[in-house]
Amino acid sequence: MKGMQKKMLLANIQAGYMRFEALLAPLSEAQMTIPHTTGTWSAKDHIAHLTGWQSYLLDQLQAVLTNSKPPVFMPGLSTVDEVNECFYQEYKDRPLAEILVAFRASYQRILVMVEDLSEEALNAPFPWRPDIPNLWSLIAEDTYEHYKEHGDAIQQGLLHM
């Protein structure tokens, strides 16, 4: 969406996050930790996955804000599946409470960083990823679009529990 306004982007991020949190709110710890969705993932694993991608996004946003190149993302890994497996292995043994705190904290940091970005920066061509047209599209991909994708997977898994 060319020329997306920051206000609309922030509203979309917040609305997507609130829908995702509303899905999680009634779930028990067992419902959050028992694998029941995509492959062997639990709701906790989906949340950890989102947290990993939000951390990546935060590195990208920090680089834009400081006009520097971001750190190399997952050196040695070349596919999204490899990255996702790495995130899964990194977080799978961590407690649910720790995952939720990290997810919520990274969400809050994203909001603050997006607020700090100019409309021009959000809509400019993305400096180091030619496959991404502009920064706002990366932000959408790693926030509200991602929340919906994984919220749908969790919801589908709950139907089969």
N, C-alpha and C. Protein backbone atom coordinates (compact mmCIF):
# COMPACT_ATOMS: atom_id res chain seq x y z
N MET A 1 0.85 -1.17 0.00
CA MET A 1 0.00 0.00 0.00
C MET A 1 0.89 1.23 0.00
N LYS A 2 1.06 1.80 -1.14
CA LYS A 2 1.96 2.95 -1.28
C LYS A 2 1.43 4.15 -0.49
N GLY A 3 2.35 4.80 0.19
CA GLY A 3 1.99 6.01 0.92
C GLY A 3 1.17 5.77 2.18
N MET A 4 1.31 4.61 2.80
CA MET A 4 0.55 4.33 4.01
C MET A 4 0.93 5.32 5.10
N GLN A 5 -0.05 5.83 5.76
CA GLN A 5 0.18 6.78 6.83
C GLN A 5 0.58 6.05 8.11
N LYS A 6 1.49 6.67 8.85
CA LYS A 6 1.98 6.06 10.09
C LYS A 6 0.83 5.80 11.06
N LYS A 7 -0.10 6.72 11.14
CA LYS A 7 -1.25 6.56 12.04
C LYS A 7 -2.03 5.28 11.72
N MET A 8 -2.24 5.01 10.42
CA MET A 8 -2.96 3.82 10.01
C MET A 8 -2.12 2.56 10.29
N LEU A 9 -0.83 2.64 10.04
CA LEU A 9 0.05 1.51 10.31
C LEU A 9 0.01 1.15 11.80
N LEU A 10 0.13 2.14 12.65
CA LEU A 10 0.08 1.90 14.10
C LEU A 10 -1.28 1.33 14.51
N ALA A 11 -2.34 1.84 13.94
CA ALA A 11 -3.68 1.32 14.25
C ALA A 11 -3.80 -0.15 13.83
N ASN A 12 -3.27 -0.50 12.67
CA ASN A 12 -3.31 -1.89 12.21
C ASN A 12 -2.50 -2.81 13.11
N ILE A 13 -1.31 -2.34 13.52
CA ILE A 13 -0.47 -3.15 14.42
C ILE A 13 -1.21 -3.39 15.74
N GLN A 14 -1.75 -2.32 16.30
CA GLN A 14 -2.44 -2.44 17.59
C GLN A 14 -3.68 -3.31 17.50
N ALA A 15 -4.46 -3.15 16.45
CA ALA A 15 -5.67 -3.96 16.29
C ALA A 15 -5.32 -5.43 16.11
N GLY A 16 -4.30 -5.71 15.30
CA GLY A 16 -3.88 -7.10 15.10
C GLY A 16 -3.38 -7.72 16.38
N TYR A 17 -2.63 -6.96 17.14
CA TYR A 17 -2.11 -7.44 18.42
C TYR A 17 -3.25 -7.71 19.40
N MET A 18 -4.19 -6.79 19.47
CA MET A 18 -5.32 -6.96 20.40
C MET A 18 -6.15 -8.20 20.05
N ARG A 19 -6.37 -8.44 18.75
CA ARG A 19 -7.10 -9.65 18.34
C ARG A 19 -6.33 -10.90 18.76
N PHE A 20 -5.02 -10.87 18.57
CA PHE A 20 -4.19 -12.02 18.94
C PHE A 20 -4.24 -12.26 20.45
N GLU A 21 -4.08 -11.19 21.24
CA GLU A 21 -4.14 -11.31 22.70
C GLU A 21 -5.52 -11.79 23.16
N ALA A 22 -6.58 -11.34 22.48
CA ALA A 22 -7.94 -11.78 22.84
C ALA A 22 -8.10 -13.28 22.58
N LEU A 23 -7.46 -13.78 21.55
CA LEU A 23 -7.49 -15.23 21.28
C LEU A 23 -6.78 -15.99 22.40
N LEU A 24 -5.67 -15.45 22.89
CA LEU A 24 -4.87 -16.13 23.91
C LEU A 24 -5.50 -16.04 25.31
N ALA A 25 -6.20 -14.96 25.59
CA ALA A 25 -6.67 -14.66 26.95
C ALA A 25 -7.41 -15.82 27.63
N PRO A 26 -8.35 -16.49 26.98
CA PRO A 26 -9.08 -17.54 27.69
C PRO A 26 -8.36 -18.89 27.77
N LEU A 27 -7.19 -19.00 27.16
CA LEU A 27 -6.51 -20.29 27.10
C LEU A 27 -5.82 -20.62 28.41
N SER A 28 -5.91 -21.87 28.81
CA SER A 28 -5.20 -22.34 29.99
C SER A 28 -3.73 -22.57 29.62
N GLU A 29 -2.92 -22.78 30.64
CA GLU A 29 -1.51 -23.07 30.37
C GLU A 29 -1.38 -24.35 29.54
N ALA A 30 -2.20 -25.34 29.82
CA ALA A 30 -2.15 -26.59 29.05
C ALA A 30 -2.51 -26.32 27.59
N GLN A 31 -3.53 -25.54 27.36
CA GLN A 31 -3.91 -25.23 25.97
C GLN A 31 -2.81 -24.45 25.25
N MET A 32 -2.03 -23.72 26.01
CA MET A 32 -0.95 -22.93 25.41
C MET A 32 0.31 -23.75 25.17
N THR A 33 0.48 -24.84 25.90
CA THR A 33 1.77 -25.55 25.83
C THR A 33 1.69 -26.93 25.19
N ILE A 34 0.51 -27.47 25.03
CA ILE A 34 0.38 -28.78 24.39
C ILE A 34 0.41 -28.60 22.88
N PRO A 35 1.31 -29.30 22.20
CA PRO A 35 1.33 -29.19 20.73
C PRO A 35 -0.01 -29.63 20.15
N HIS A 36 -0.57 -28.77 19.30
CA HIS A 36 -1.87 -29.11 18.73
C HIS A 36 -2.13 -28.43 17.40
N THR A 37 -1.19 -27.64 16.96
CA THR A 37 -1.43 -26.90 15.73
C THR A 37 -0.45 -27.35 14.66
N THR A 38 0.01 -26.45 13.85
CA THR A 38 0.89 -26.75 12.74
C THR A 38 2.02 -27.68 13.16
N GLY A 39 2.05 -28.87 12.59
CA GLY A 39 3.10 -29.83 12.92
C GLY A 39 3.09 -30.15 14.39
N THR A 40 4.19 -29.84 15.06
CA THR A 40 4.31 -30.15 16.48
C THR A 40 4.26 -28.89 17.35
N TRP A 41 3.83 -27.78 16.78
CA TRP A 41 3.84 -26.53 17.53
C TRP A 41 2.64 -26.39 18.46
N SER A 42 2.92 -25.83 19.63
CA SER A 42 1.88 -25.42 20.56
C SER A 42 1.62 -23.93 20.35
N ALA A 43 0.62 -23.40 21.04
CA ALA A 43 0.39 -21.95 20.98
C ALA A 43 1.64 -21.21 21.47
N LYS A 44 2.28 -21.74 22.51
CA LYS A 44 3.52 -21.13 23.02
C LYS A 44 4.58 -21.05 21.92
N ASP A 45 4.68 -22.11 21.12
CA ASP A 45 5.67 -22.13 20.04
C ASP A 45 5.35 -21.07 18.98
N HIS A 46 4.06 -20.87 18.70
CA HIS A 46 3.67 -19.82 17.77
C HIS A 46 4.04 -18.44 18.32
N ILE A 47 3.81 -18.24 19.60
CA ILE A 47 4.13 -16.95 20.23
C ILE A 47 5.65 -16.73 20.21
N ALA A 48 6.41 -17.77 20.48
CA ALA A 48 7.87 -17.67 20.44
C ALA A 48 8.34 -17.34 19.02
N HIS A 49 7.72 -17.97 18.04
CA HIS A 49 8.04 -17.71 16.64
C HIS A 49 7.80 -16.22 16.32
N LEU A 50 6.66 -15.71 16.73
CA LEU A 50 6.36 -14.29 16.52
C LEU A 50 7.39 -13.40 17.21
N THR A 51 7.80 -13.81 18.40
CA THR A 51 8.80 -13.05 19.15
C THR A 51 10.13 -13.00 18.41
N GLY A 52 10.53 -14.13 17.86
CA GLY A 52 11.78 -14.17 17.10
C GLY A 52 11.74 -13.25 15.91
N TRP A 53 10.62 -13.27 15.16
CA TRP A 53 10.50 -12.39 14.00
C TRP A 53 10.38 -10.93 14.41
N GLN A 54 9.75 -10.66 15.55
CA GLN A 54 9.69 -9.28 16.03
C GLN A 54 11.08 -8.78 16.42
N SER A 55 11.91 -9.66 16.96
CA SER A 55 13.29 -9.27 17.29
C SER A 55 14.05 -8.91 16.02
N TYR A 56 13.84 -9.69 14.97
CA TYR A 56 14.45 -9.37 13.68
C TYR A 56 13.98 -7.99 13.22
N LEU A 57 12.68 -7.76 13.30
CA LEU A 57 12.13 -6.46 12.88
C LEU A 57 12.73 -5.33 13.69
N LEU A 58 12.89 -5.52 14.98
CA LEU A 58 13.48 -4.48 15.82
C LEU A 58 14.90 -4.13 15.37
N ASP A 59 15.68 -5.13 14.98
CA ASP A 59 17.02 -4.86 14.45
C ASP A 59 16.94 -4.01 13.18
N GLN A 60 15.97 -4.33 12.32
CA GLN A 60 15.81 -3.58 11.08
C GLN A 60 15.40 -2.13 11.36
N LEU A 61 14.46 -1.96 12.28
CA LEU A 61 13.99 -0.61 12.62
C LEU A 61 15.11 0.21 13.26
N GLN A 62 15.87 -0.42 14.15
CA GLN A 62 16.99 0.28 14.79
C GLN A 62 18.00 0.74 13.75
N ALA A 63 18.26 -0.10 12.77
CA ALA A 63 19.21 0.27 11.71
C ALA A 63 18.70 1.46 10.90
N VAL A 64 17.41 1.48 10.61
CA VAL A 64 16.85 2.61 9.88
C VAL A 64 16.94 3.88 10.72
N LEU A 65 16.59 3.76 11.99
CA LEU A 65 16.61 4.93 12.87
C LEU A 65 18.03 5.49 13.06
N THR A 66 19.03 4.63 13.03
CA THR A 66 20.40 5.08 13.25
C THR A 66 21.18 5.22 11.94
N ASN A 67 20.48 5.01 10.83
CA ASN A 67 21.10 5.11 9.51
C ASN A 67 22.35 4.23 9.41
N SER A 68 22.19 2.99 9.89
CA SER A 68 23.29 2.02 9.84
C SER A 68 22.77 0.72 9.24
N LYS A 69 23.67 -0.16 8.92
CA LYS A 69 23.28 -1.45 8.36
C LYS A 69 22.95 -2.40 9.52
N PRO A 70 21.86 -3.18 9.41
CA PRO A 70 21.51 -4.09 10.51
C PRO A 70 22.50 -5.24 10.60
N PRO A 71 22.53 -5.92 11.76
CA PRO A 71 23.40 -7.08 11.87
C PRO A 71 22.93 -8.17 10.90
N VAL A 72 23.85 -9.03 10.52
CA VAL A 72 23.50 -10.15 9.64
C VAL A 72 22.49 -11.02 10.37
N PHE A 73 21.41 -11.31 9.69
CA PHE A 73 20.32 -12.08 10.28
C PHE A 73 20.57 -13.56 10.09
N MET A 74 20.65 -14.28 11.18
CA MET A 74 20.80 -15.73 11.18
C MET A 74 21.87 -16.19 10.18
N PRO A 75 23.11 -15.83 10.43
CA PRO A 75 24.18 -16.22 9.51
C PRO A 75 24.19 -17.73 9.28
N GLY A 76 24.39 -18.11 8.04
CA GLY A 76 24.47 -19.52 7.69
C GLY A 76 23.13 -20.15 7.35
N LEU A 77 22.04 -19.45 7.63
CA LEU A 77 20.72 -19.98 7.30
C LEU A 77 20.22 -19.28 6.04
N SER A 78 19.67 -20.05 5.11
CA SER A 78 19.30 -19.42 3.84
C SER A 78 17.81 -19.49 3.52
N THR A 79 17.04 -20.25 4.27
CA THR A 79 15.61 -20.33 3.97
C THR A 79 14.79 -19.94 5.20
N VAL A 80 13.57 -19.55 4.95
CA VAL A 80 12.65 -19.21 6.05
C VAL A 80 12.41 -20.43 6.93
N ASP A 81 12.31 -21.59 6.33
CA ASP A 81 12.11 -22.82 7.13
C ASP A 81 13.28 -23.05 8.09
N GLU A 82 14.50 -22.80 7.63
CA GLU A 82 15.66 -22.95 8.51
C GLU A 82 15.62 -21.94 9.65
N VAL A 83 15.24 -20.71 9.34
CA VAL A 83 15.13 -19.67 10.37
C VAL A 83 14.05 -20.06 11.37
N ASN A 84 12.90 -20.50 10.87
CA ASN A 84 11.81 -20.87 11.77
C ASN A 84 12.21 -22.04 12.67
N GLU A 85 12.94 -23.00 12.14
CA GLU A 85 13.40 -24.12 12.96
C GLU A 85 14.40 -23.64 14.01
N CYS A 86 15.24 -22.70 13.64
CA CYS A 86 16.19 -22.13 14.60
C CYS A 86 15.45 -21.43 15.74
N PHE A 87 14.44 -20.63 15.39
CA PHE A 87 13.63 -19.98 16.43
C PHE A 87 12.96 -21.03 17.32
N TYR A 88 12.42 -22.08 16.72
CA TYR A 88 11.76 -23.13 17.49
C TYR A 88 12.74 -23.75 18.49
N GLN A 89 13.93 -24.10 18.02
CA GLN A 89 14.93 -24.73 18.90
C GLN A 89 15.37 -23.76 20.00
N GLU A 90 15.48 -22.49 19.67
CA GLU A 90 15.91 -21.49 20.64
C GLU A 90 14.91 -21.32 21.79
N TYR A 91 13.63 -21.39 21.48
CA TYR A 91 12.59 -21.07 22.47
C TYR A 91 11.85 -22.26 23.06
N LYS A 92 11.96 -23.44 22.48
CA LYS A 92 11.07 -24.55 22.84
C LYS A 92 11.11 -24.96 24.31
N ASP A 93 12.25 -24.80 24.96
CA ASP A 93 12.35 -25.23 26.36
C ASP A 93 12.14 -24.09 27.37
N ARG A 94 11.87 -22.91 26.86
CA ARG A 94 11.65 -21.78 27.76
C ARG A 94 10.22 -21.82 28.32
N PRO A 95 10.03 -21.35 29.54
CA PRO A 95 8.69 -21.35 30.14
C PRO A 95 7.74 -20.40 29.40
N LEU A 96 6.47 -20.75 29.42
CA LEU A 96 5.43 -19.95 28.79
C LEU A 96 5.47 -18.50 29.27
N ALA A 97 5.58 -18.29 30.57
CA ALA A 97 5.58 -16.93 31.12
C ALA A 97 6.71 -16.10 30.51
N GLU A 98 7.87 -16.68 30.35
CA GLU A 98 9.02 -15.97 29.77
C GLU A 98 8.75 -15.61 28.30
N ILE A 99 8.14 -16.53 27.58
CA ILE A 99 7.81 -16.30 26.16
C ILE A 99 6.81 -15.15 26.05
N LEU A 100 5.78 -15.17 26.88
CA LEU A 100 4.77 -14.11 26.84
C LEU A 100 5.36 -12.75 27.17
N VAL A 101 6.22 -12.69 28.17
CA VAL A 101 6.86 -11.42 28.53
C VAL A 101 7.70 -10.90 27.36
N ALA A 102 8.47 -11.77 26.73
CA ALA A 102 9.32 -11.36 25.61
C ALA A 102 8.47 -10.90 24.42
N PHE A 103 7.39 -11.62 24.15
CA PHE A 103 6.50 -11.25 23.04
C PHE A 103 5.90 -9.87 23.27
N ARG A 104 5.36 -9.67 24.45
CA ARG A 104 4.71 -8.40 24.76
C ARG A 104 5.71 -7.24 24.80
N ALA A 105 6.90 -7.49 25.30
CA ALA A 105 7.92 -6.44 25.35
C ALA A 105 8.38 -6.06 23.94
N SER A 106 8.56 -7.06 23.07
CA SER A 106 9.01 -6.74 21.72
C SER A 106 7.91 -5.99 20.96
N TYR A 107 6.67 -6.33 21.20
CA TYR A 107 5.55 -5.59 20.60
C TYR A 107 5.60 -4.12 21.02
N GLN A 108 5.77 -3.88 22.32
CA GLN A 108 5.81 -2.50 22.83
C GLN A 108 6.99 -1.73 22.23
N ARG A 109 8.13 -2.39 22.10
CA ARG A 109 9.30 -1.73 21.51
C ARG A 109 9.06 -1.39 20.05
N ILE A 110 8.36 -2.25 19.34
CA ILE A 110 8.04 -1.97 17.93
C ILE A 110 7.17 -0.72 17.84
N LEU A 111 6.16 -0.62 18.69
CA LEU A 111 5.30 0.57 18.67
C LEU A 111 6.11 1.84 18.87
N VAL A 112 7.00 1.83 19.84
CA VAL A 112 7.82 3.00 20.13
C VAL A 112 8.70 3.34 18.93
N MET A 113 9.31 2.34 18.33
CA MET A 113 10.21 2.60 17.20
C MET A 113 9.44 3.09 15.97
N VAL A 114 8.28 2.53 15.72
CA VAL A 114 7.47 3.01 14.59
C VAL A 114 7.08 4.46 14.82
N GLU A 115 6.73 4.80 16.05
CA GLU A 115 6.42 6.20 16.38
C GLU A 115 7.59 7.12 16.05
N ASP A 116 8.81 6.62 16.27
CA ASP A 116 10.00 7.43 16.04
C ASP A 116 10.37 7.57 14.57
N LEU A 117 9.79 6.75 13.71
CA LEU A 117 10.11 6.81 12.28
C LEU A 117 9.26 7.87 11.59
N SER A 118 9.84 8.51 10.61
CA SER A 118 9.09 9.49 9.82
C SER A 118 8.24 8.77 8.79
N GLU A 119 7.21 9.45 8.30
CA GLU A 119 6.39 8.89 7.21
C GLU A 119 7.28 8.61 6.00
N GLU A 120 8.23 9.50 5.78
CA GLU A 120 9.14 9.33 4.65
C GLU A 120 9.94 8.03 4.78
N ALA A 121 10.48 7.75 5.98
CA ALA A 121 11.25 6.53 6.20
C ALA A 121 10.38 5.29 6.02
N LEU A 122 9.15 5.36 6.51
CA LEU A 122 8.24 4.21 6.39
C LEU A 122 7.89 3.88 4.94
N ASN A 123 7.82 4.89 4.11
CA ASN A 123 7.39 4.70 2.73
C ASN A 123 8.52 4.69 1.70
N ALA A 124 9.74 4.93 2.16
CA ALA A 124 10.89 4.93 1.25
C ALA A 124 11.25 3.48 0.87
N PRO A 125 11.91 3.31 -0.26
CA PRO A 125 12.39 1.96 -0.61
C PRO A 125 13.24 1.41 0.52
N PHE A 126 13.08 0.15 0.77
CA PHE A 126 13.81 -0.47 1.88
C PHE A 126 15.28 -0.56 1.52
N PRO A 127 16.18 -0.03 2.35
CA PRO A 127 17.57 0.15 1.96
C PRO A 127 18.39 -1.12 1.67
N TRP A 128 18.17 -2.21 2.38
CA TRP A 128 19.05 -3.36 2.19
C TRP A 128 18.31 -4.65 1.85
N ARG A 129 17.05 -4.56 1.54
CA ARG A 129 16.28 -5.74 1.12
C ARG A 129 15.50 -5.38 -0.14
N PRO A 130 16.06 -5.66 -1.33
CA PRO A 130 15.37 -5.30 -2.57
C PRO A 130 14.05 -6.05 -2.77
N ASP A 131 13.85 -7.15 -2.04
CA ASP A 131 12.60 -7.91 -2.15
C ASP A 131 11.46 -7.27 -1.37
N ILE A 132 11.75 -6.23 -0.59
CA ILE A 132 10.74 -5.55 0.21
C ILE A 132 10.61 -4.12 -0.31
N PRO A 133 9.41 -3.72 -0.75
CA PRO A 133 9.27 -2.40 -1.39
C PRO A 133 9.51 -1.21 -0.47
N ASN A 134 9.14 -1.34 0.81
CA ASN A 134 9.35 -0.25 1.75
C ASN A 134 9.26 -0.79 3.17
N LEU A 135 9.64 0.03 4.11
CA LEU A 135 9.72 -0.41 5.50
C LEU A 135 8.36 -0.78 6.07
N TRP A 136 7.32 -0.01 5.74
CA TRP A 136 6.02 -0.32 6.32
C TRP A 136 5.56 -1.72 5.94
N SER A 137 5.91 -2.19 4.72
CA SER A 137 5.47 -3.54 4.33
C SER A 137 6.18 -4.61 5.16
N LEU A 138 7.45 -4.38 5.52
CA LEU A 138 8.14 -5.31 6.41
C LEU A 138 7.50 -5.29 7.79
N ILE A 139 7.16 -4.10 8.27
CA ILE A 139 6.52 -3.98 9.58
C ILE A 139 5.19 -4.71 9.59
N ALA A 140 4.39 -4.52 8.54
CA ALA A 140 3.09 -5.21 8.45
C ALA A 140 3.29 -6.73 8.45
N GLU A 141 4.26 -7.17 7.66
CA GLU A 141 4.53 -8.61 7.52
C GLU A 141 4.91 -9.24 8.86
N ASP A 142 5.71 -8.53 9.66
CA ASP A 142 6.20 -9.10 10.91
C ASP A 142 5.38 -8.71 12.13
N THR A 143 4.25 -8.02 11.92
CA THR A 143 3.36 -7.69 13.05
C THR A 143 1.95 -8.18 12.73
N TYR A 144 1.06 -7.29 12.36
CA TYR A 144 -0.35 -7.66 12.27
C TYR A 144 -0.67 -8.75 11.26
N GLU A 145 0.04 -8.81 10.15
CA GLU A 145 -0.20 -9.91 9.21
C GLU A 145 0.27 -11.24 9.80
N HIS A 146 1.36 -11.19 10.54
CA HIS A 146 1.92 -12.38 11.17
C HIS A 146 1.04 -12.82 12.34
N TYR A 147 0.52 -11.84 13.11
CA TYR A 147 -0.39 -12.19 14.21
C TYR A 147 -1.60 -12.93 13.68
N LYS A 148 -2.15 -12.46 12.57
CA LYS A 148 -3.33 -13.10 11.99
C LYS A 148 -3.01 -14.52 11.54
N GLU A 149 -1.90 -14.66 10.83
CA GLU A 149 -1.50 -15.98 10.33
C GLU A 149 -1.38 -16.99 11.47
N HIS A 150 -0.69 -16.61 12.53
CA HIS A 150 -0.47 -17.55 13.63
C HIS A 150 -1.67 -17.65 14.56
N GLY A 151 -2.44 -16.59 14.66
CA GLY A 151 -3.69 -16.67 15.41
C GLY A 151 -4.64 -17.65 14.75
N ASP A 152 -4.72 -17.61 13.43
CA ASP A 152 -5.56 -18.57 12.69
C ASP A 152 -5.08 -20.00 12.92
N ALA A 153 -3.76 -20.21 12.92
CA ALA A 153 -3.21 -21.56 13.15
C ALA A 153 -3.53 -22.05 14.56
N ILE A 154 -3.41 -21.17 15.53
CA ILE A 154 -3.73 -21.55 16.92
C ILE A 154 -5.21 -21.88 17.03
N GLN A 155 -6.05 -21.04 16.47
CA GLN A 155 -7.49 -21.26 16.52
C GLN A 155 -7.87 -22.59 15.86
N GLN A 156 -7.27 -22.87 14.73
CA GLN A 156 -7.52 -24.13 14.03
C GLN A 156 -7.08 -25.31 14.89
N GLY A 157 -5.94 -25.18 15.52
CA GLY A 157 -5.45 -26.26 16.38
C GLY A 157 -6.35 -26.48 17.58
N LEU A 158 -6.91 -25.42 18.13
CA LEU A 158 -7.81 -25.55 19.28
C LEU A 158 -9.07 -26.33 18.91
N LEU A 159 -9.50 -26.20 17.67
CA LEU A 159 -10.67 -26.93 17.21
C LEU A 159 -10.43 -28.44 17.20
N HIS A 160 -9.17 -28.84 17.09
CA HIS A 160 -8.82 -30.25 17.00
C HIS A 160 -8.25 -30.79 18.29
N MET A 161 -8.33 -30.04 19.37
CA MET A 161 -7.81 -30.50 20.66
C MET A 161 -8.76 -31.46 21.31
